[in-house]
Amino acid sequence: MSKEIRNPEIQIPKSDGMSLTLRQRIFLTLAPLLLLLAVLGTTGVFLLWTLGNRVNEILRENYRSVIAMERAERSPRTHRSSFQIAMSGKEDPQLQERARRQYAKNWADLQRRAEDRTE
């Protein structure tokens, strides 16, 4: 027969009904990390979205500037040509009308350029 040896100093903890299972302990350990990961992910998505909107706004402004510069580059040539048409067709009413239409279009372009500069 074997005799059971008991050490009086070693005590086995008694279950009081409040102990957690291993699964619950692992979950409670990982829950704050998962929450932190979700908060950081949401913040990152928001920041990228904001940055993307700012980039789109800058690109739109640059595009308007490029278009305005193309118009500005084209404008002196069309002004000259409208005056040349007007001078060459002093007696021709069709040429006079064409010069007036072109001059009106050039004037509208000049006003649009002035508005673009003030934006």
N, C-alpha and C. Protein backbone atom coordinates (compact mmCIF):
# COMPACT_ATOMS: atom_id res chain seq x y z
N MET A 1 0.82 -1.16 0.00
CA MET A 1 0.00 0.00 0.00
C MET A 1 0.88 1.25 0.00
N SER A 2 0.37 2.20 -0.73
CA SER A 2 1.13 3.44 -0.78
C SER A 2 0.53 4.45 0.17
N LYS A 3 1.36 5.14 0.75
CA LYS A 3 0.92 6.18 1.67
C LYS A 3 0.96 7.52 0.94
N GLU A 4 -0.06 8.31 1.12
CA GLU A 4 -0.13 9.64 0.53
C GLU A 4 0.67 10.59 1.40
N ILE A 5 1.54 11.32 0.75
CA ILE A 5 2.34 12.29 1.47
C ILE A 5 1.73 13.66 1.22
N ARG A 6 1.42 14.31 2.27
CA ARG A 6 0.85 15.65 2.15
C ARG A 6 1.79 16.66 2.81
N ASN A 7 2.01 17.70 2.09
CA ASN A 7 2.83 18.77 2.62
C ASN A 7 1.90 19.84 3.17
N PRO A 8 2.00 20.14 4.41
CA PRO A 8 1.07 21.11 5.00
C PRO A 8 1.28 22.52 4.49
N GLU A 9 2.42 22.85 3.90
CA GLU A 9 2.69 24.20 3.43
C GLU A 9 2.04 24.47 2.08
N ILE A 10 1.84 23.45 1.27
CA ILE A 10 1.25 23.62 -0.05
C ILE A 10 -0.26 23.54 0.09
N GLN A 11 -0.88 24.60 -0.34
CA GLN A 11 -2.34 24.61 -0.26
C GLN A 11 -2.90 24.74 -1.67
N ILE A 12 -3.89 23.99 -1.95
CA ILE A 12 -4.55 24.05 -3.24
C ILE A 12 -5.64 25.11 -3.14
N PRO A 13 -5.62 26.09 -4.09
CA PRO A 13 -6.65 27.13 -4.00
C PRO A 13 -8.03 26.54 -4.24
N LYS A 14 -8.95 26.99 -3.46
CA LYS A 14 -10.31 26.51 -3.59
C LYS A 14 -11.07 27.41 -4.55
N SER A 15 -11.91 26.84 -5.35
CA SER A 15 -12.70 27.60 -6.30
C SER A 15 -13.83 28.29 -5.57
N ASP A 16 -13.88 29.61 -5.72
CA ASP A 16 -14.94 30.36 -5.06
C ASP A 16 -16.04 30.77 -6.03
N GLY A 17 -16.00 30.25 -7.26
CA GLY A 17 -17.01 30.57 -8.25
C GLY A 17 -16.69 31.82 -9.05
N MET A 18 -15.65 32.58 -8.73
CA MET A 18 -15.30 33.82 -9.43
C MET A 18 -14.05 33.66 -10.29
N SER A 19 -13.50 32.49 -10.40
CA SER A 19 -12.29 32.32 -11.19
C SER A 19 -12.66 32.31 -12.68
N LEU A 20 -11.72 32.77 -13.51
CA LEU A 20 -11.96 32.89 -14.94
C LEU A 20 -11.36 31.70 -15.67
N THR A 21 -12.00 31.32 -16.74
CA THR A 21 -11.46 30.24 -17.55
C THR A 21 -10.30 30.78 -18.38
N LEU A 22 -9.55 29.90 -18.98
CA LEU A 22 -8.42 30.30 -19.81
C LEU A 22 -8.89 31.13 -21.00
N ARG A 23 -9.98 30.75 -21.59
CA ARG A 23 -10.54 31.48 -22.73
C ARG A 23 -10.89 32.92 -22.32
N GLN A 24 -11.48 33.09 -21.17
CA GLN A 24 -11.86 34.43 -20.69
C GLN A 24 -10.62 35.26 -20.38
N ARG A 25 -9.61 34.64 -19.80
CA ARG A 25 -8.37 35.38 -19.51
C ARG A 25 -7.70 35.85 -20.80
N ILE A 26 -7.65 34.97 -21.80
CA ILE A 26 -7.04 35.35 -23.09
C ILE A 26 -7.83 36.49 -23.72
N PHE A 27 -9.14 36.40 -23.69
CA PHE A 27 -9.98 37.46 -24.26
C PHE A 27 -9.75 38.78 -23.53
N LEU A 28 -9.71 38.74 -22.20
CA LEU A 28 -9.50 39.97 -21.45
C LEU A 28 -8.11 40.56 -21.68
N THR A 29 -7.16 39.71 -22.02
CA THR A 29 -5.82 40.19 -22.32
C THR A 29 -5.79 40.85 -23.70
N LEU A 30 -6.49 40.27 -24.67
CA LEU A 30 -6.45 40.78 -26.04
C LEU A 30 -7.45 41.89 -26.32
N ALA A 31 -8.50 42.01 -25.53
CA ALA A 31 -9.54 43.00 -25.79
C ALA A 31 -9.00 44.44 -25.84
N PRO A 32 -8.17 44.88 -24.90
CA PRO A 32 -7.64 46.25 -25.00
C PRO A 32 -6.79 46.47 -26.25
N LEU A 33 -6.03 45.44 -26.62
CA LEU A 33 -5.20 45.56 -27.82
C LEU A 33 -6.07 45.67 -29.07
N LEU A 34 -7.13 44.88 -29.13
CA LEU A 34 -8.03 44.95 -30.28
C LEU A 34 -8.76 46.29 -30.33
N LEU A 35 -9.13 46.80 -29.18
CA LEU A 35 -9.77 48.11 -29.13
C LEU A 35 -8.81 49.20 -29.60
N LEU A 36 -7.57 49.14 -29.15
CA LEU A 36 -6.56 50.10 -29.58
C LEU A 36 -6.32 50.01 -31.08
N LEU A 37 -6.26 48.79 -31.60
CA LEU A 37 -6.08 48.60 -33.03
C LEU A 37 -7.25 49.19 -33.82
N ALA A 38 -8.47 49.02 -33.34
CA ALA A 38 -9.64 49.58 -34.02
C ALA A 38 -9.60 51.10 -34.00
N VAL A 39 -9.23 51.69 -32.87
CA VAL A 39 -9.16 53.16 -32.77
C VAL A 39 -8.09 53.70 -33.70
N LEU A 40 -6.91 53.08 -33.72
CA LEU A 40 -5.83 53.54 -34.59
C LEU A 40 -6.19 53.36 -36.06
N GLY A 41 -6.84 52.26 -36.39
CA GLY A 41 -7.27 52.04 -37.78
C GLY A 41 -8.28 53.08 -38.23
N THR A 42 -9.24 53.37 -37.38
CA THR A 42 -10.25 54.38 -37.72
C THR A 42 -9.62 55.75 -37.87
N THR A 43 -8.70 56.09 -36.99
CA THR A 43 -8.00 57.37 -37.07
C THR A 43 -7.18 57.45 -38.35
N GLY A 44 -6.50 56.37 -38.70
CA GLY A 44 -5.70 56.35 -39.92
C GLY A 44 -6.55 56.52 -41.16
N VAL A 45 -7.70 55.85 -41.22
CA VAL A 45 -8.59 56.00 -42.37
C VAL A 45 -9.10 57.43 -42.47
N PHE A 46 -9.46 58.03 -41.35
CA PHE A 46 -9.94 59.41 -41.36
C PHE A 46 -8.85 60.37 -41.85
N LEU A 47 -7.63 60.17 -41.37
CA LEU A 47 -6.54 61.06 -41.79
C LEU A 47 -6.23 60.90 -43.27
N LEU A 48 -6.25 59.67 -43.77
CA LEU A 48 -6.01 59.46 -45.20
C LEU A 48 -7.12 60.09 -46.04
N TRP A 49 -8.35 59.98 -45.58
CA TRP A 49 -9.48 60.57 -46.30
C TRP A 49 -9.33 62.09 -46.34
N THR A 50 -8.96 62.70 -45.22
CA THR A 50 -8.76 64.15 -45.15
C THR A 50 -7.63 64.59 -46.07
N LEU A 51 -6.54 63.84 -46.04
CA LEU A 51 -5.39 64.15 -46.89
C LEU A 51 -5.77 64.04 -48.35
N GLY A 52 -6.53 63.01 -48.70
CA GLY A 52 -6.98 62.85 -50.09
C GLY A 52 -7.83 64.00 -50.55
N ASN A 53 -8.72 64.50 -49.68
CA ASN A 53 -9.55 65.64 -50.06
C ASN A 53 -8.70 66.89 -50.26
N ARG A 54 -7.70 67.08 -49.44
CA ARG A 54 -6.83 68.25 -49.60
C ARG A 54 -6.04 68.16 -50.90
N VAL A 55 -5.57 66.97 -51.23
CA VAL A 55 -4.82 66.79 -52.47
C VAL A 55 -5.74 67.08 -53.66
N ASN A 56 -6.99 66.59 -53.62
CA ASN A 56 -7.92 66.87 -54.71
C ASN A 56 -8.17 68.36 -54.87
N GLU A 57 -8.29 69.06 -53.76
CA GLU A 57 -8.51 70.50 -53.82
C GLU A 57 -7.31 71.21 -54.45
N ILE A 58 -6.11 70.81 -54.06
CA ILE A 58 -4.91 71.42 -54.63
C ILE A 58 -4.82 71.14 -56.12
N LEU A 59 -5.14 69.91 -56.52
CA LEU A 59 -5.09 69.57 -57.95
C LEU A 59 -6.11 70.37 -58.75
N ARG A 60 -7.29 70.57 -58.18
CA ARG A 60 -8.29 71.39 -58.88
C ARG A 60 -7.81 72.82 -59.06
N GLU A 61 -7.21 73.39 -58.00
CA GLU A 61 -6.69 74.75 -58.11
C GLU A 61 -5.57 74.83 -59.15
N ASN A 62 -4.69 73.83 -59.16
CA ASN A 62 -3.60 73.83 -60.14
C ASN A 62 -4.15 73.70 -61.56
N TYR A 63 -5.18 72.88 -61.73
CA TYR A 63 -5.77 72.71 -63.05
C TYR A 63 -6.36 74.03 -63.54
N ARG A 64 -7.07 74.73 -62.63
CA ARG A 64 -7.63 76.03 -63.01
C ARG A 64 -6.51 77.01 -63.38
N SER A 65 -5.39 76.95 -62.66
CA SER A 65 -4.27 77.83 -62.97
C SER A 65 -3.67 77.52 -64.34
N VAL A 66 -3.56 76.23 -64.64
CA VAL A 66 -3.01 75.84 -65.94
C VAL A 66 -3.93 76.31 -67.06
N ILE A 67 -5.23 76.12 -66.90
CA ILE A 67 -6.17 76.57 -67.92
C ILE A 67 -6.10 78.09 -68.08
N ALA A 68 -6.01 78.81 -66.96
CA ALA A 68 -5.91 80.26 -67.02
C ALA A 68 -4.63 80.70 -67.75
N MET A 69 -3.52 80.00 -67.52
CA MET A 69 -2.28 80.34 -68.19
C MET A 69 -2.35 80.04 -69.69
N GLU A 70 -3.03 78.96 -70.04
CA GLU A 70 -3.20 78.68 -71.48
C GLU A 70 -4.02 79.77 -72.14
N ARG A 71 -5.06 80.21 -71.46
CA ARG A 71 -5.88 81.30 -72.01
C ARG A 71 -5.07 82.59 -72.09
N ALA A 72 -4.26 82.83 -71.06
CA ALA A 72 -3.44 84.05 -71.07
C ALA A 72 -2.41 84.01 -72.19
N GLU A 73 -1.90 82.84 -72.47
CA GLU A 73 -0.93 82.70 -73.55
C GLU A 73 -1.58 82.91 -74.90
N ARG A 74 -2.80 82.44 -75.04
CA ARG A 74 -3.54 82.53 -76.30
C ARG A 74 -4.14 83.91 -76.50
N SER A 75 -4.44 84.61 -75.44
CA SER A 75 -5.18 85.87 -75.51
C SER A 75 -4.51 86.96 -76.36
N PRO A 76 -3.21 87.25 -76.19
CA PRO A 76 -2.62 88.33 -77.01
C PRO A 76 -2.70 88.04 -78.50
N ARG A 77 -2.54 86.77 -78.88
CA ARG A 77 -2.63 86.44 -80.31
C ARG A 77 -4.03 86.70 -80.84
N THR A 78 -5.04 86.32 -80.06
CA THR A 78 -6.40 86.52 -80.54
C THR A 78 -6.78 88.00 -80.53
N HIS A 79 -6.24 88.76 -79.59
CA HIS A 79 -6.49 90.21 -79.59
C HIS A 79 -5.90 90.84 -80.85
N ARG A 80 -4.67 90.46 -81.14
CA ARG A 80 -4.03 91.01 -82.34
C ARG A 80 -4.82 90.64 -83.59
N SER A 81 -5.23 89.36 -83.64
CA SER A 81 -5.95 88.94 -84.84
C SER A 81 -7.29 89.65 -84.96
N SER A 82 -7.97 89.92 -83.84
CA SER A 82 -9.26 90.62 -83.94
C SER A 82 -9.05 92.05 -84.44
N PHE A 83 -7.97 92.69 -83.99
CA PHE A 83 -7.70 94.04 -84.51
C PHE A 83 -7.28 93.99 -85.98
N GLN A 84 -6.50 92.98 -86.36
CA GLN A 84 -6.09 92.87 -87.76
C GLN A 84 -7.30 92.63 -88.66
N ILE A 85 -8.23 91.79 -88.17
CA ILE A 85 -9.45 91.54 -88.95
C ILE A 85 -10.24 92.83 -89.08
N ALA A 86 -10.34 93.55 -87.98
CA ALA A 86 -11.11 94.80 -88.02
C ALA A 86 -10.46 95.81 -88.96
N MET A 87 -9.13 95.90 -88.94
CA MET A 87 -8.45 96.87 -89.78
C MET A 87 -8.47 96.46 -91.25
N SER A 88 -8.37 95.16 -91.51
CA SER A 88 -8.33 94.73 -92.91
C SER A 88 -9.71 94.78 -93.55
N GLY A 89 -10.74 94.68 -92.75
CA GLY A 89 -12.08 94.65 -93.32
C GLY A 89 -12.88 95.87 -92.98
N LYS A 90 -12.27 97.05 -93.13
CA LYS A 90 -12.98 98.29 -92.80
C LYS A 90 -14.26 98.45 -93.61
N GLU A 91 -14.22 97.97 -94.81
CA GLU A 91 -15.36 98.13 -95.70
C GLU A 91 -16.27 96.91 -95.69
N ASP A 92 -15.80 95.80 -95.11
CA ASP A 92 -16.57 94.55 -95.15
C ASP A 92 -17.34 94.36 -93.84
N PRO A 93 -18.68 94.41 -93.85
CA PRO A 93 -19.44 94.27 -92.61
C PRO A 93 -19.32 92.88 -91.98
N GLN A 94 -19.12 91.85 -92.77
CA GLN A 94 -18.97 90.49 -92.20
C GLN A 94 -17.68 90.39 -91.39
N LEU A 95 -16.59 90.94 -91.92
CA LEU A 95 -15.33 90.92 -91.18
C LEU A 95 -15.43 91.78 -89.92
N GLN A 96 -16.12 92.91 -90.04
CA GLN A 96 -16.32 93.77 -88.88
C GLN A 96 -17.07 93.01 -87.77
N GLU A 97 -18.11 92.29 -88.15
CA GLU A 97 -18.90 91.53 -87.17
C GLU A 97 -18.07 90.40 -86.56
N ARG A 98 -17.28 89.74 -87.39
CA ARG A 98 -16.40 88.66 -86.88
C ARG A 98 -15.40 89.23 -85.87
N ALA A 99 -14.84 90.39 -86.17
CA ALA A 99 -13.88 91.02 -85.26
C ALA A 99 -14.57 91.39 -83.95
N ARG A 100 -15.81 91.89 -84.02
CA ARG A 100 -16.53 92.26 -82.80
C ARG A 100 -16.80 91.02 -81.93
N ARG A 101 -17.21 89.91 -82.56
CA ARG A 101 -17.47 88.67 -81.80
C ARG A 101 -16.19 88.17 -81.14
N GLN A 102 -15.11 88.19 -81.90
CA GLN A 102 -13.84 87.72 -81.34
C GLN A 102 -13.38 88.63 -80.20
N TYR A 103 -13.55 89.93 -80.38
CA TYR A 103 -13.16 90.86 -79.32
C TYR A 103 -14.00 90.64 -78.07
N ALA A 104 -15.31 90.41 -78.23
CA ALA A 104 -16.19 90.15 -77.08
C ALA A 104 -15.76 88.87 -76.36
N LYS A 105 -15.41 87.86 -77.13
CA LYS A 105 -14.93 86.60 -76.51
C LYS A 105 -13.62 86.85 -75.77
N ASN A 106 -12.73 87.61 -76.36
CA ASN A 106 -11.45 87.92 -75.69
C ASN A 106 -11.68 88.72 -74.42
N TRP A 107 -12.63 89.64 -74.45
CA TRP A 107 -12.94 90.43 -73.27
C TRP A 107 -13.45 89.55 -72.14
N ALA A 108 -14.30 88.58 -72.48
CA ALA A 108 -14.80 87.63 -71.47
C ALA A 108 -13.65 86.81 -70.90
N ASP A 109 -12.71 86.41 -71.74
CA ASP A 109 -11.55 85.65 -71.26
C ASP A 109 -10.70 86.50 -70.31
N LEU A 110 -10.54 87.78 -70.64
CA LEU A 110 -9.76 88.66 -69.75
C LEU A 110 -10.44 88.80 -68.39
N GLN A 111 -11.75 88.95 -68.38
CA GLN A 111 -12.46 89.06 -67.11
C GLN A 111 -12.35 87.76 -66.31
N ARG A 112 -12.43 86.62 -66.98
CA ARG A 112 -12.30 85.32 -66.29
C ARG A 112 -10.91 85.18 -65.69
N ARG A 113 -9.89 85.64 -66.43
CA ARG A 113 -8.52 85.58 -65.89
C ARG A 113 -8.38 86.47 -64.67
N ALA A 114 -9.00 87.63 -64.70
CA ALA A 114 -8.93 88.52 -63.54
C ALA A 114 -9.61 87.87 -62.35
N GLU A 115 -10.71 87.17 -62.56
CA GLU A 115 -11.37 86.47 -61.46
C GLU A 115 -10.50 85.33 -60.93
N ASP A 116 -9.81 84.63 -61.84
CA ASP A 116 -8.94 83.53 -61.40
C ASP A 116 -7.80 84.03 -60.54
N ARG A 117 -7.30 85.22 -60.83
CA ARG A 117 -6.21 85.77 -60.03
C ARG A 117 -6.65 86.12 -58.62
N THR A 118 -7.89 86.54 -58.48
CA THR A 118 -8.36 86.96 -57.17
C THR A 118 -8.76 85.79 -56.29
N GLU A 119 -8.91 84.60 -56.86
CA GLU A 119 -9.31 83.42 -56.05
C GLU A 119 -8.16 82.89 -55.25
